[in-house]
């Protein structure tokens, strides 16, 4: 099981970074959208 996880991580390093960047940007957009109604 642990070796399977290591193999998957070693094969998909580039896509994992893209997923992390995408998830971070979604969180930033969500937080910005939550703060917009308070600005008006």
N, C-alpha and C. Protein backbone atom coordinates (compact mmCIF):
# COMPACT_ATOMS: atom_id res chain seq x y z
N UNK A 1 0.83 -1.19 0.00
CA UNK A 1 0.00 0.00 0.00
C UNK A 1 0.87 1.26 0.00
N UNK A 2 1.85 1.29 0.88
CA UNK A 2 2.73 2.46 0.96
C UNK A 2 3.58 2.57 -0.30
N UNK A 3 4.02 1.46 -0.83
CA UNK A 3 4.82 1.51 -2.06
C UNK A 3 3.97 1.97 -3.24
N UNK A 4 2.69 1.61 -3.25
CA UNK A 4 1.79 2.07 -4.31
C UNK A 4 1.64 3.58 -4.27
N UNK A 5 1.48 4.13 -3.08
CA UNK A 5 1.35 5.58 -2.93
C UNK A 5 2.62 6.28 -3.39
N UNK A 6 3.77 5.73 -3.03
CA UNK A 6 5.04 6.32 -3.45
C UNK A 6 5.19 6.30 -4.97
N UNK A 7 4.76 5.21 -5.60
CA UNK A 7 4.84 5.12 -7.06
C UNK A 7 3.92 6.13 -7.73
N UNK A 8 2.73 6.28 -7.21
CA UNK A 8 1.79 7.25 -7.78
C UNK A 8 2.33 8.67 -7.64
N UNK A 9 2.89 8.98 -6.48
CA UNK A 9 3.43 10.32 -6.26
C UNK A 9 4.64 10.60 -7.14
N UNK A 10 5.46 9.60 -7.36
CA UNK A 10 6.64 9.81 -8.19
C UNK A 10 6.27 9.97 -9.66
N UNK A 11 5.18 9.35 -10.10
CA UNK A 11 4.77 9.46 -11.51
C UNK A 11 4.02 10.75 -11.79
N UNK A 12 3.36 11.32 -10.81
CA UNK A 12 2.47 12.44 -11.07
C UNK A 12 2.86 13.70 -10.30
N UNK A 13 4.14 13.99 -10.23
CA UNK A 13 4.60 15.14 -9.48
C UNK A 13 4.11 16.45 -10.08
N UNK A 14 4.17 16.59 -11.41
CA UNK A 14 3.77 17.84 -12.06
C UNK A 14 2.29 18.10 -11.86
N UNK A 15 1.46 17.08 -11.98
CA UNK A 15 0.02 17.30 -11.85
C UNK A 15 -0.38 17.58 -10.41
N UNK A 16 0.38 17.04 -9.46
CA UNK A 16 0.08 17.33 -8.05
C UNK A 16 0.30 18.81 -7.76
N UNK A 17 1.39 19.37 -8.30
CA UNK A 17 1.64 20.81 -8.11
C UNK A 17 0.55 21.64 -8.77
N UNK A 18 0.08 21.23 -9.93
CA UNK A 18 -1.00 21.95 -10.60
C UNK A 18 -2.28 21.87 -9.77
N UNK A 19 -2.55 20.73 -9.17
CA UNK A 19 -3.74 20.59 -8.32
C UNK A 19 -3.63 21.47 -7.08
N UNK A 20 -2.43 21.55 -6.50
CA UNK A 20 -2.24 22.39 -5.32
C UNK A 20 -2.47 23.86 -5.67
N UNK A 21 -1.92 24.29 -6.80
CA UNK A 21 -2.10 25.69 -7.23
C UNK A 21 -3.58 25.96 -7.52
N UNK A 22 -4.25 25.04 -8.16
CA UNK A 22 -5.66 25.21 -8.45
C UNK A 22 -6.51 25.28 -7.20
N UNK A 23 -6.26 24.42 -6.25
CA UNK A 23 -7.02 24.43 -5.00
C UNK A 23 -6.77 25.70 -4.21
N UNK A 24 -5.53 26.16 -4.21
CA UNK A 24 -5.19 27.41 -3.51
C UNK A 24 -5.90 28.59 -4.15
N UNK A 25 -5.93 28.63 -5.48
CA UNK A 25 -6.61 29.74 -6.15
C UNK A 25 -8.11 29.71 -5.87
N UNK A 26 -8.70 28.52 -5.81
CA UNK A 26 -10.13 28.44 -5.47
C UNK A 26 -10.40 28.95 -4.06
N UNK A 27 -9.54 28.65 -3.13
CA UNK A 27 -9.71 29.14 -1.76
C UNK A 27 -9.58 30.66 -1.72
N UNK A 28 -8.63 31.21 -2.46
CA UNK A 28 -8.45 32.67 -2.50
C UNK A 28 -9.69 33.33 -3.09
N UNK A 29 -10.21 32.78 -4.18
CA UNK A 29 -11.41 33.35 -4.79
C UNK A 29 -12.60 33.25 -3.84
N UNK A 30 -12.75 32.14 -3.14
CA UNK A 30 -13.83 31.98 -2.18
C UNK A 30 -13.73 33.00 -1.05
N UNK A 31 -12.54 33.17 -0.50
CA UNK A 31 -12.36 34.14 0.58
C UNK A 31 -12.62 35.58 0.09
N UNK A 32 -12.18 35.89 -1.12
CA UNK A 32 -12.45 37.22 -1.67
C UNK A 32 -13.94 37.44 -1.87
N UNK A 33 -14.65 36.42 -2.35
CA UNK A 33 -16.09 36.54 -2.57
C UNK A 33 -16.83 36.70 -1.24
N UNK A 34 -16.34 36.07 -0.21
CA UNK A 34 -17.00 36.20 1.10
C UNK A 34 -16.80 37.58 1.69
N UNK A 35 -15.74 38.26 1.34
CA UNK A 35 -15.46 39.58 1.89
C UNK A 35 -16.08 40.70 1.07
N UNK A 36 -16.51 40.43 -0.15
CA UNK A 36 -17.08 41.47 -1.00
C UNK A 36 -18.34 42.11 -0.43
N UNK A 37 -19.32 41.35 0.08
CA UNK A 37 -20.54 42.01 0.58
C UNK A 37 -20.28 42.96 1.74
N UNK A 38 -19.25 42.74 2.51
CA UNK A 38 -18.94 43.63 3.62
C UNK A 38 -18.33 44.94 3.17
N UNK A 39 -17.85 45.00 1.95
CA UNK A 39 -17.19 46.22 1.46
C UNK A 39 -18.20 47.25 0.98
N UNK A 40 -19.42 46.82 0.70
CA UNK A 40 -20.40 47.77 0.14
C UNK A 40 -21.34 48.28 1.19
